[in-house]
Amino acid sequence: MASGNAVVVFSVSGCCMCHVVKRLLLGLGVGPTVYELDQERGGREIQAVLAQLLSSPSSSSPSPSTTSSAAAQLNAAVPAVFVGGKLLGGVEKVMSCHINGSLVPLLKQAGALWL
């Protein structure tokens, strides 16, 4: 799913941070492929895998032991942005790349932008 297009965003339709990432990419002239996981078959499972991919191995947070913390971990999995088939990261990484000027070159390299 992530390697089929230049830019892929895994999102949940009611997530404000997902909306921010999608609007930023659209504002830059990128038409990302968007998977709304709350509307996709197998979306919860995909979200769980994304949570594992996005979790930092150096994180000092305890592993989820309750339903509410497991739900919070799943919610932290979106948005997940892939550029050129590789995981870029979540909203913090996308915004960081945008602010430091490295996002547009990444998008150009992936073929998502031509100018």
N, C-alpha and C. Protein backbone atom coordinates (compact mmCIF):
# COMPACT_ATOMS: atom_id res chain seq x y z
N MET A 1 0.82 -1.20 0.00
CA MET A 1 0.00 0.00 0.00
C MET A 1 0.86 1.26 0.00
N ALA A 2 1.94 1.24 0.78
CA ALA A 2 2.76 2.44 0.93
C ALA A 2 3.68 2.68 -0.25
N SER A 3 4.03 1.65 -0.99
CA SER A 3 4.99 1.83 -2.07
C SER A 3 4.34 2.04 -3.43
N GLY A 4 3.01 1.99 -3.50
CA GLY A 4 2.32 2.11 -4.77
C GLY A 4 2.26 3.52 -5.32
N ASN A 5 2.50 4.53 -4.50
CA ASN A 5 2.40 5.93 -4.92
C ASN A 5 3.53 6.74 -4.31
N ALA A 6 3.77 7.92 -4.89
CA ALA A 6 4.87 8.77 -4.42
C ALA A 6 4.69 9.19 -2.96
N VAL A 7 3.46 9.55 -2.59
CA VAL A 7 3.17 9.95 -1.22
C VAL A 7 1.90 9.26 -0.76
N VAL A 8 1.99 8.58 0.37
CA VAL A 8 0.84 7.88 0.94
C VAL A 8 0.67 8.35 2.38
N VAL A 9 -0.56 8.68 2.72
CA VAL A 9 -0.89 9.10 4.09
C VAL A 9 -1.91 8.12 4.66
N PHE A 10 -1.56 7.52 5.78
CA PHE A 10 -2.50 6.69 6.53
C PHE A 10 -3.12 7.60 7.58
N SER A 11 -4.44 7.66 7.58
CA SER A 11 -5.17 8.65 8.35
C SER A 11 -6.38 8.02 9.00
N VAL A 12 -7.01 8.79 9.88
CA VAL A 12 -8.32 8.46 10.42
C VAL A 12 -9.17 9.69 10.17
N SER A 13 -10.36 9.50 9.66
CA SER A 13 -11.16 10.61 9.15
C SER A 13 -11.45 11.71 10.17
N GLY A 14 -11.53 11.43 11.44
CA GLY A 14 -11.82 12.47 12.43
C GLY A 14 -10.60 13.05 13.11
N CYS A 15 -9.42 12.71 12.67
CA CYS A 15 -8.17 13.11 13.33
C CYS A 15 -7.72 14.48 12.84
N CYS A 16 -7.59 15.45 13.76
CA CYS A 16 -7.20 16.80 13.37
C CYS A 16 -5.75 16.86 12.88
N MET A 17 -4.85 16.07 13.44
CA MET A 17 -3.46 16.08 13.00
C MET A 17 -3.33 15.46 11.60
N CYS A 18 -4.18 14.48 11.32
CA CYS A 18 -4.21 13.90 9.97
C CYS A 18 -4.65 14.97 8.97
N HIS A 19 -5.65 15.74 9.36
CA HIS A 19 -6.14 16.81 8.50
C HIS A 19 -5.03 17.84 8.24
N VAL A 20 -4.27 18.17 9.25
CA VAL A 20 -3.17 19.13 9.10
C VAL A 20 -2.15 18.63 8.08
N VAL A 21 -1.76 17.37 8.19
CA VAL A 21 -0.77 16.81 7.27
C VAL A 21 -1.31 16.78 5.84
N LYS A 22 -2.55 16.35 5.69
CA LYS A 22 -3.14 16.30 4.34
C LYS A 22 -3.23 17.70 3.73
N ARG A 23 -3.64 18.69 4.51
CA ARG A 23 -3.74 20.06 4.01
C ARG A 23 -2.36 20.63 3.65
N LEU A 24 -1.35 20.33 4.45
CA LEU A 24 0.00 20.79 4.14
C LEU A 24 0.46 20.22 2.80
N LEU A 25 0.30 18.92 2.63
CA LEU A 25 0.73 18.29 1.38
C LEU A 25 -0.05 18.84 0.18
N LEU A 26 -1.36 18.98 0.33
CA LEU A 26 -2.16 19.54 -0.75
C LEU A 26 -1.75 20.98 -1.05
N GLY A 27 -1.44 21.74 -0.02
CA GLY A 27 -1.00 23.12 -0.18
C GLY A 27 0.33 23.24 -0.92
N LEU A 28 1.17 22.21 -0.79
CA LEU A 28 2.45 22.18 -1.49
C LEU A 28 2.29 21.71 -2.94
N GLY A 29 1.10 21.26 -3.28
CA GLY A 29 0.86 20.78 -4.64
C GLY A 29 0.97 19.28 -4.80
N VAL A 30 1.01 18.57 -3.70
CA VAL A 30 1.11 17.10 -3.72
C VAL A 30 -0.29 16.53 -3.59
N GLY A 31 -0.59 15.53 -4.39
CA GLY A 31 -1.86 14.81 -4.28
C GLY A 31 -1.60 13.44 -3.69
N PRO A 32 -1.54 13.36 -2.36
CA PRO A 32 -1.19 12.08 -1.74
C PRO A 32 -2.33 11.06 -1.88
N THR A 33 -1.95 9.81 -1.90
CA THR A 33 -2.94 8.74 -1.76
C THR A 33 -3.25 8.65 -0.28
N VAL A 34 -4.52 8.71 0.08
CA VAL A 34 -4.92 8.73 1.48
C VAL A 34 -5.74 7.49 1.78
N TYR A 35 -5.32 6.77 2.81
CA TYR A 35 -6.08 5.63 3.31
C TYR A 35 -6.69 6.04 4.65
N GLU A 36 -8.00 6.16 4.69
CA GLU A 36 -8.71 6.46 5.93
C GLU A 36 -8.94 5.13 6.64
N LEU A 37 -8.14 4.86 7.65
CA LEU A 37 -8.12 3.54 8.27
C LEU A 37 -9.42 3.18 8.98
N ASP A 38 -10.18 4.18 9.39
CA ASP A 38 -11.47 3.88 10.02
C ASP A 38 -12.51 3.47 8.97
N GLN A 39 -12.17 3.60 7.69
CA GLN A 39 -13.09 3.22 6.62
C GLN A 39 -12.54 2.07 5.77
N GLU A 40 -11.35 1.59 6.09
CA GLU A 40 -10.71 0.52 5.33
C GLU A 40 -10.92 -0.82 6.02
N ARG A 41 -11.11 -1.85 5.23
CA ARG A 41 -11.15 -3.20 5.78
C ARG A 41 -9.75 -3.51 6.32
N GLY A 42 -9.68 -3.98 7.55
CA GLY A 42 -8.40 -4.27 8.19
C GLY A 42 -7.70 -3.03 8.70
N GLY A 43 -8.41 -1.93 8.80
CA GLY A 43 -7.80 -0.66 9.22
C GLY A 43 -7.20 -0.70 10.61
N ARG A 44 -7.84 -1.37 11.56
CA ARG A 44 -7.31 -1.45 12.93
C ARG A 44 -5.98 -2.21 12.93
N GLU A 45 -5.90 -3.27 12.15
CA GLU A 45 -4.66 -4.04 12.08
C GLU A 45 -3.54 -3.22 11.45
N ILE A 46 -3.88 -2.49 10.38
CA ILE A 46 -2.88 -1.62 9.74
C ILE A 46 -2.42 -0.55 10.73
N GLN A 47 -3.35 0.00 11.47
CA GLN A 47 -3.03 1.03 12.47
C GLN A 47 -2.10 0.46 13.54
N ALA A 48 -2.32 -0.79 13.95
CA ALA A 48 -1.45 -1.42 14.95
C ALA A 48 -0.03 -1.59 14.42
N VAL A 49 0.09 -1.97 13.16
CA VAL A 49 1.42 -2.12 12.56
C VAL A 49 2.11 -0.76 12.45
N LEU A 50 1.35 0.26 12.05
CA LEU A 50 1.92 1.60 11.96
C LEU A 50 2.39 2.10 13.33
N ALA A 51 1.63 1.77 14.37
CA ALA A 51 2.03 2.17 15.73
C ALA A 51 3.38 1.56 16.08
N GLN A 52 3.59 0.31 15.68
CA GLN A 52 4.88 -0.34 15.94
C GLN A 52 5.99 0.33 15.14
N LEU A 53 5.71 0.66 13.87
CA LEU A 53 6.72 1.30 13.03
C LEU A 53 7.10 2.69 13.55
N LEU A 54 6.12 3.41 14.06
CA LEU A 54 6.36 4.77 14.51
C LEU A 54 6.89 4.87 15.93
N SER A 55 6.80 3.77 16.69
CA SER A 55 7.28 3.84 18.07
C SER A 55 8.80 3.87 18.09
N SER A 56 9.30 4.69 18.94
CA SER A 56 10.75 4.86 19.06
C SER A 56 11.32 3.79 19.98
N PRO A 57 12.38 3.09 19.54
CA PRO A 57 12.98 2.09 20.42
C PRO A 57 13.61 2.70 21.67
N SER A 58 13.95 3.97 21.61
CA SER A 58 14.55 4.62 22.79
C SER A 58 13.49 5.26 23.68
N SER A 59 12.23 5.05 23.34
CA SER A 59 11.16 5.65 24.13
C SER A 59 11.15 5.07 25.53
N SER A 60 10.96 5.93 26.51
CA SER A 60 10.93 5.46 27.88
C SER A 60 9.52 5.21 28.37
N SER A 61 8.53 5.35 27.45
CA SER A 61 7.16 5.13 27.90
C SER A 61 6.90 3.65 28.10
N PRO A 62 6.12 3.35 29.11
CA PRO A 62 5.83 1.96 29.38
C PRO A 62 4.96 1.37 28.29
N SER A 63 5.01 0.04 28.14
CA SER A 63 4.16 -0.60 27.14
C SER A 63 2.72 -0.52 27.60
N PRO A 64 1.78 -0.47 26.63
CA PRO A 64 0.38 -0.33 27.01
C PRO A 64 -0.10 -1.54 27.79
N SER A 65 -0.70 -1.28 28.93
CA SER A 65 -1.18 -2.39 29.75
C SER A 65 -2.68 -2.32 29.96
N THR A 66 -3.29 -1.21 29.53
CA THR A 66 -4.73 -1.08 29.66
C THR A 66 -5.34 -0.78 28.31
N THR A 67 -6.63 -0.97 28.23
CA THR A 67 -7.32 -0.71 26.97
C THR A 67 -7.18 0.75 26.57
N SER A 68 -7.26 1.66 27.51
CA SER A 68 -7.16 3.08 27.16
C SER A 68 -5.77 3.43 26.65
N SER A 69 -4.72 2.87 27.21
CA SER A 69 -3.39 3.18 26.71
C SER A 69 -3.14 2.50 25.38
N ALA A 70 -3.73 1.34 25.15
CA ALA A 70 -3.62 0.69 23.85
C ALA A 70 -4.32 1.51 22.79
N ALA A 71 -5.47 2.07 23.13
CA ALA A 71 -6.19 2.94 22.20
C ALA A 71 -5.38 4.19 21.91
N ALA A 72 -4.76 4.75 22.92
CA ALA A 72 -3.93 5.94 22.72
C ALA A 72 -2.75 5.63 21.82
N GLN A 73 -2.16 4.44 21.97
CA GLN A 73 -1.05 4.05 21.11
C GLN A 73 -1.51 3.92 19.66
N LEU A 74 -2.70 3.35 19.44
CA LEU A 74 -3.24 3.24 18.09
C LEU A 74 -3.49 4.62 17.50
N ASN A 75 -4.04 5.53 18.29
CA ASN A 75 -4.30 6.87 17.80
C ASN A 75 -3.01 7.61 17.47
N ALA A 76 -1.92 7.28 18.16
CA ALA A 76 -0.63 7.90 17.88
C ALA A 76 -0.03 7.40 16.57
N ALA A 77 -0.61 6.35 15.99
CA ALA A 77 -0.10 5.78 14.76
C ALA A 77 -0.48 6.59 13.53
N VAL A 78 -1.40 7.52 13.68
CA VAL A 78 -1.81 8.33 12.54
C VAL A 78 -1.62 9.80 12.85
N PRO A 79 -1.28 10.60 11.90
CA PRO A 79 -1.02 10.21 10.53
C PRO A 79 0.34 9.53 10.40
N ALA A 80 0.44 8.65 9.43
CA ALA A 80 1.71 8.03 9.06
C ALA A 80 1.93 8.36 7.59
N VAL A 81 3.05 9.00 7.30
CA VAL A 81 3.32 9.48 5.95
C VAL A 81 4.50 8.72 5.36
N PHE A 82 4.26 8.17 4.18
CA PHE A 82 5.30 7.48 3.42
C PHE A 82 5.61 8.31 2.19
N VAL A 83 6.90 8.52 1.92
CA VAL A 83 7.33 9.27 0.74
C VAL A 83 8.29 8.38 -0.02
N GLY A 84 7.98 8.13 -1.27
CA GLY A 84 8.83 7.25 -2.08
C GLY A 84 8.88 5.84 -1.55
N GLY A 85 7.81 5.39 -0.92
CA GLY A 85 7.75 4.03 -0.39
C GLY A 85 8.42 3.84 0.96
N LYS A 86 9.00 4.91 1.50
CA LYS A 86 9.69 4.82 2.80
C LYS A 86 8.94 5.64 3.84
N LEU A 87 8.91 5.13 5.05
CA LEU A 87 8.24 5.84 6.13
C LEU A 87 8.98 7.13 6.45
N LEU A 88 8.28 8.26 6.29
CA LEU A 88 8.84 9.54 6.72
C LEU A 88 8.57 9.72 8.20
N GLY A 89 7.33 9.51 8.62
CA GLY A 89 6.98 9.62 10.03
C GLY A 89 5.58 10.18 10.22
N GLY A 90 5.35 10.68 11.41
CA GLY A 90 4.07 11.25 11.77
C GLY A 90 4.06 12.75 11.58
N VAL A 91 3.11 13.39 12.21
CA VAL A 91 2.92 14.83 12.03
C VAL A 91 4.15 15.62 12.48
N GLU A 92 4.80 15.19 13.56
CA GLU A 92 5.97 15.93 14.05
C GLU A 92 7.10 15.91 13.03
N LYS A 93 7.36 14.74 12.44
CA LYS A 93 8.44 14.61 11.47
C LYS A 93 8.12 15.39 10.19
N VAL A 94 6.89 15.30 9.73
CA VAL A 94 6.49 16.02 8.52
C VAL A 94 6.65 17.52 8.73
N MET A 95 6.18 18.02 9.86
CA MET A 95 6.28 19.45 10.14
C MET A 95 7.73 19.88 10.31
N SER A 96 8.51 19.05 10.97
CA SER A 96 9.93 19.35 11.15
C SER A 96 10.64 19.45 9.80
N CYS A 97 10.36 18.52 8.91
CA CYS A 97 10.96 18.54 7.57
C CYS A 97 10.50 19.77 6.79
N HIS A 98 9.24 20.12 6.96
CA HIS A 98 8.72 21.31 6.27
C HIS A 98 9.41 22.57 6.78
N ILE A 99 9.55 22.69 8.08
CA ILE A 99 10.16 23.89 8.66
C ILE A 99 11.64 24.00 8.32
N ASN A 100 12.36 22.86 8.33
CA ASN A 100 13.80 22.93 8.05
C ASN A 100 14.12 22.90 6.56
N GLY A 101 13.10 22.81 5.72
CA GLY A 101 13.31 22.90 4.28
C GLY A 101 13.63 21.60 3.58
N SER A 102 13.57 20.49 4.28
CA SER A 102 13.93 19.22 3.64
C SER A 102 12.73 18.47 3.05
N LEU A 103 11.50 18.93 3.32
CA LEU A 103 10.32 18.21 2.83
C LEU A 103 10.17 18.32 1.32
N VAL A 104 10.28 19.52 0.78
CA VAL A 104 10.10 19.70 -0.67
C VAL A 104 11.13 18.89 -1.46
N PRO A 105 12.42 18.91 -1.11
CA PRO A 105 13.37 18.06 -1.84
C PRO A 105 13.02 16.55 -1.77
N LEU A 106 12.53 16.10 -0.61
CA LEU A 106 12.10 14.70 -0.49
C LEU A 106 10.94 14.41 -1.44
N LEU A 107 9.99 15.32 -1.50
CA LEU A 107 8.84 15.15 -2.37
C LEU A 107 9.24 15.17 -3.83
N LYS A 108 10.18 16.03 -4.18
CA LYS A 108 10.68 16.08 -5.57
C LYS A 108 11.39 14.79 -5.92
N GLN A 109 12.23 14.31 -5.02
CA GLN A 109 12.98 13.09 -5.25
C GLN A 109 12.05 11.89 -5.46
N ALA A 110 10.92 11.89 -4.77
CA ALA A 110 9.96 10.80 -4.88
C ALA A 110 9.07 10.94 -6.11
N GLY A 111 9.15 12.07 -6.80
CA GLY A 111 8.32 12.29 -7.98
C GLY A 111 6.94 12.85 -7.66
N ALA A 112 6.77 13.35 -6.45
CA ALA A 112 5.48 13.92 -6.07
C ALA A 112 5.36 15.39 -6.48
N LEU A 113 6.48 16.05 -6.69
CA LEU A 113 6.51 17.45 -7.13
C LEU A 113 7.44 17.56 -8.33
N TRP A 114 7.09 18.41 -9.27
CA TRP A 114 7.93 18.57 -10.45
C TRP A 114 8.61 19.93 -10.49
N LEU A 115 8.13 20.88 -9.72
CA LEU A 115 8.71 22.24 -9.75
C LEU A 115 9.68 22.46 -8.64
